[in-house]
Amino acid sequence: MYFEIINEIEEIGIIAVENSIREIERLKKKYGEGRWRKLKGTALVRLQDGTIEKAEIHWYEANGIGQKDFKIKRLLR
Protein backbone atom coordinates (compact mmCIF):
# COMPACT_ATOMS: atom_id res chain seq x y z
CA MET A 1 0.00 0.00 0.00
CA TYR A 2 1.39 3.37 -1.00
CA PHE A 3 1.23 6.13 1.62
CA GLU A 4 3.01 9.35 2.51
CA ILE A 5 3.82 10.45 6.06
CA ILE A 6 2.76 14.09 6.30
CA ASN A 7 3.84 15.06 9.84
CA GLU A 8 6.33 14.08 12.54
CA ILE A 9 6.05 10.55 13.90
CA GLU A 10 4.88 10.68 17.52
CA GLU A 11 4.63 8.23 20.43
CA ILE A 12 7.69 6.31 19.21
CA GLY A 13 8.40 3.00 20.92
CA ILE A 14 10.83 0.12 20.42
CA ILE A 15 9.28 -3.24 19.53
CA ALA A 16 12.44 -5.35 19.06
CA VAL A 17 16.23 -5.03 18.86
CA GLU A 18 18.85 -7.02 16.90
CA ASN A 19 18.26 -10.80 17.13
CA SER A 20 14.70 -10.33 18.43
CA ILE A 21 13.76 -9.10 14.94
CA ARG A 22 12.42 -11.94 12.78
CA GLU A 23 13.67 -10.36 9.54
CA ILE A 24 17.16 -9.42 10.76
CA GLU A 25 18.98 -11.46 8.10
CA ARG A 26 16.96 -9.85 5.29
CA LEU A 27 17.68 -6.38 6.65
CA LYS A 28 21.42 -7.05 6.91
CA LYS A 29 21.53 -8.52 3.40
CA LYS A 30 19.50 -5.71 1.80
CA TYR A 31 20.80 -2.65 3.71
CA GLY A 32 23.98 -3.77 5.52
CA GLU A 33 25.23 -4.40 9.03
CA GLY A 34 24.04 -2.13 11.80
CA ARG A 35 22.33 -2.06 15.17
CA TRP A 36 18.83 -2.73 13.85
CA ARG A 37 15.70 -1.86 15.81
CA LYS A 38 12.04 -2.32 14.97
CA LEU A 39 10.02 0.73 16.02
CA LYS A 40 6.41 1.87 16.08
CA GLY A 41 4.74 5.27 16.28
CA THR A 42 1.74 7.27 15.14
CA ALA A 43 1.51 9.86 12.37
CA LEU A 44 -0.87 11.44 9.89
CA VAL A 45 -0.58 9.71 6.53
CA ARG A 46 -1.95 10.45 3.06
CA LEU A 47 -3.28 7.26 1.52
CA GLN A 48 -3.21 6.40 -2.18
CA ASP A 49 -6.77 7.68 -2.68
CA GLY A 50 -5.83 11.06 -1.16
CA THR A 51 -7.55 10.68 2.21
CA ILE A 52 -5.66 11.68 5.33
CA GLU A 53 -5.81 9.38 8.35
CA LYS A 54 -3.96 8.90 11.62
CA ALA A 55 -2.16 5.56 11.56
CA GLU A 56 0.10 3.33 13.62
CA ILE A 57 3.29 2.87 11.62
CA HIS A 58 6.03 0.24 12.00
CA TRP A 59 9.54 0.52 10.54
CA TYR A 60 13.15 -0.60 10.94
CA GLU A 61 16.04 1.69 11.79
CA ALA A 62 19.82 1.40 12.19
CA ASN A 63 22.51 3.96 13.01
CA GLY A 64 24.27 5.13 9.86
CA ILE A 65 21.65 3.50 7.63
CA GLY A 66 18.45 5.30 8.60
CA GLN A 67 14.77 4.42 8.58
CA LYS A 68 13.65 1.66 6.21
CA ASP A 69 10.58 -0.40 5.26
CA PHE A 70 7.71 1.68 6.64
CA LYS A 71 4.30 0.00 6.83
CA ILE A 72 0.89 0.90 8.19
CA LYS A 73 -0.06 -1.52 10.92
CA ARG A 74 -3.54 -0.07 11.47
CA LEU A 75 -5.58 3.07 10.94
CA LEU A 76 -6.59 4.93 14.11
CA ARG A 77 -10.06 6.33 13.43
C-alpha atoms as a PDB file:
ATOM      1  CA  MET A   1       0.000   0.000   0.000  1.00  0.00           C
ATOM      2  CA  TYR A   2       1.391   3.374  -1.000  1.00  0.00           C
ATOM      3  CA  PHE A   3       1.233   6.131   1.616  1.00  0.00           C
ATOM      4  CA  GLU A   4       3.015   9.350   2.508  1.00  0.00           C
ATOM      5  CA  ILE A   5       3.819  10.445   6.063  1.00  0.00           C
ATOM      6  CA  ILE A   6       2.757  14.092   6.303  1.00  0.00           C
ATOM      7  CA  ASN A   7       3.844  15.057   9.838  1.00  0.00           C
ATOM      8  CA  GLU A   8       6.334  14.081  12.535  1.00  0.00           C
ATOM      9  CA  ILE A   9       6.052  10.549  13.895  1.00  0.00           C
ATOM     10  CA  GLU A  10       4.877  10.684  17.523  1.00  0.00           C
ATOM     11  CA  GLU A  11       4.632   8.235  20.427  1.00  0.00           C
ATOM     12  CA  ILE A  12       7.691   6.307  19.207  1.00  0.00           C
ATOM     13  CA  GLY A  13       8.397   2.999  20.923  1.00  0.00           C
ATOM     14  CA  ILE A  14      10.828   0.125  20.425  1.00  0.00           C
ATOM     15  CA  ILE A  15       9.284  -3.240  19.526  1.00  0.00           C
ATOM     16  CA  ALA A  16      12.439  -5.345  19.055  1.00  0.00           C
ATOM     17  CA  VAL A  17      16.228  -5.029  18.861  1.00  0.00           C
ATOM     18  CA  GLU A  18      18.854  -7.023  16.899  1.00  0.00           C
ATOM     19  CA  ASN A  19      18.259 -10.797  17.132  1.00  0.00           C
ATOM     20  CA  SER A  20      14.705 -10.329  18.435  1.00  0.00           C
ATOM     21  CA  ILE A  21      13.759  -9.096  14.940  1.00  0.00           C
ATOM     22  CA  ARG A  22      12.425 -11.939  12.778  1.00  0.00           C
ATOM     23  CA  GLU A  23      13.666 -10.363   9.540  1.00  0.00           C
ATOM     24  CA  ILE A  24      17.162  -9.417  10.765  1.00  0.00           C
ATOM     25  CA  GLU A  25      18.980 -11.464   8.096  1.00  0.00           C
ATOM     26  CA  ARG A  26      16.961  -9.853   5.293  1.00  0.00           C
ATOM     27  CA  LEU A  27      17.680  -6.376   6.652  1.00  0.00           C
ATOM     28  CA  LYS A  28      21.422  -7.052   6.909  1.00  0.00           C
ATOM     29  CA  LYS A  29      21.530  -8.523   3.402  1.00  0.00           C
ATOM     30  CA  LYS A  30      19.504  -5.715   1.798  1.00  0.00           C
ATOM     31  CA  TYR A  31      20.798  -2.653   3.712  1.00  0.00           C
ATOM     32  CA  GLY A  32      23.977  -3.771   5.520  1.00  0.00           C
ATOM     33  CA  GLU A  33      25.229  -4.401   9.032  1.00  0.00           C
ATOM     34  CA  GLY A  34      24.037  -2.131  11.799  1.00  0.00           C
ATOM     35  CA  ARG A  35      22.329  -2.062  15.173  1.00  0.00           C
ATOM     36  CA  TRP A  36      18.831  -2.732  13.846  1.00  0.00           C
ATOM     37  CA  ARG A  37      15.703  -1.855  15.808  1.00  0.00           C
ATOM     38  CA  LYS A  38      12.037  -2.316  14.972  1.00  0.00           C
ATOM     39  CA  LEU A  39      10.018   0.734  16.016  1.00  0.00           C
ATOM     40  CA  LYS A  40       6.406   1.874  16.083  1.00  0.00           C
ATOM     41  CA  GLY A  41       4.737   5.266  16.276  1.00  0.00           C
ATOM     42  CA  THR A  42       1.738   7.268  15.138  1.00  0.00           C
ATOM     43  CA  ALA A  43       1.509   9.863  12.373  1.00  0.00           C
ATOM     44  CA  LEU A  44      -0.865  11.442   9.891  1.00  0.00           C
ATOM     45  CA  VAL A  45      -0.584   9.708   6.526  1.00  0.00           C
ATOM     46  CA  ARG A  46      -1.954  10.454   3.060  1.00  0.00           C
ATOM     47  CA  LEU A  47      -3.284   7.258   1.517  1.00  0.00           C
ATOM     48  CA  GLN A  48      -3.211   6.401  -2.183  1.00  0.00           C
ATOM     49  CA  ASP A  49      -6.772   7.681  -2.684  1.00  0.00           C
ATOM     50  CA  GLY A  50      -5.827  11.061  -1.157  1.00  0.00           C
ATOM     51  CA  THR A  51      -7.548  10.677   2.213  1.00  0.00           C
ATOM     52  CA  ILE A  52      -5.655  11.684   5.330  1.00  0.00           C
ATOM     53  CA  GLU A  53      -5.812   9.378   8.346  1.00  0.00           C
ATOM     54  CA  LYS A  54      -3.964   8.903  11.617  1.00  0.00           C
ATOM     55  CA  ALA A  55      -2.156   5.563  11.565  1.00  0.00           C
ATOM     56  CA  GLU A  56       0.101   3.330  13.624  1.00  0.00           C
ATOM     57  CA  ILE A  57       3.285   2.870  11.622  1.00  0.00           C
ATOM     58  CA  HIS A  58       6.026   0.240  12.005  1.00  0.00           C
ATOM     59  CA  TRP A  59       9.544   0.520  10.543  1.00  0.00           C
ATOM     60  CA  TYR A  60      13.151  -0.604  10.936  1.00  0.00           C
ATOM     61  CA  GLU A  61      16.041   1.691  11.793  1.00  0.00           C
ATOM     62  CA  ALA A  62      19.824   1.401  12.188  1.00  0.00           C
ATOM     63  CA  ASN A  63      22.510   3.963  13.006  1.00  0.00           C
ATOM     64  CA  GLY A  64      24.271   5.130   9.862  1.00  0.00           C
ATOM     65  CA  ILE A  65      21.646   3.496   7.632  1.00  0.00           C
ATOM     66  CA  GLY A  66      18.450   5.301   8.604  1.00  0.00           C
ATOM     67  CA  GLN A  67      14.768   4.417   8.585  1.00  0.00           C
ATOM     68  CA  LYS A  68      13.646   1.656   6.208  1.00  0.00           C
ATOM     69  CA  ASP A  69      10.584  -0.400   5.256  1.00  0.00           C
ATOM     70  CA  PHE A  70       7.705   1.682   6.641  1.00  0.00           C
ATOM     71  CA  LYS A  71       4.298   0.001   6.829  1.00  0.00           C
ATOM     72  CA  ILE A  72       0.893   0.901   8.188  1.00  0.00           C
ATOM     73  CA  LYS A  73      -0.065  -1.521  10.920  1.00  0.00           C
ATOM     74  CA  ARG A  74      -3.544  -0.072  11.470  1.00  0.00           C
ATOM     75  CA  LEU A  75      -5.583   3.066  10.938  1.00  0.00           C
ATOM     76  CA  LEU A  76      -6.595   4.928  14.107  1.00  0.00           C
ATOM     77  CA  ARG A  77     -10.062   6.326  13.435  1.00  0.00           C
END
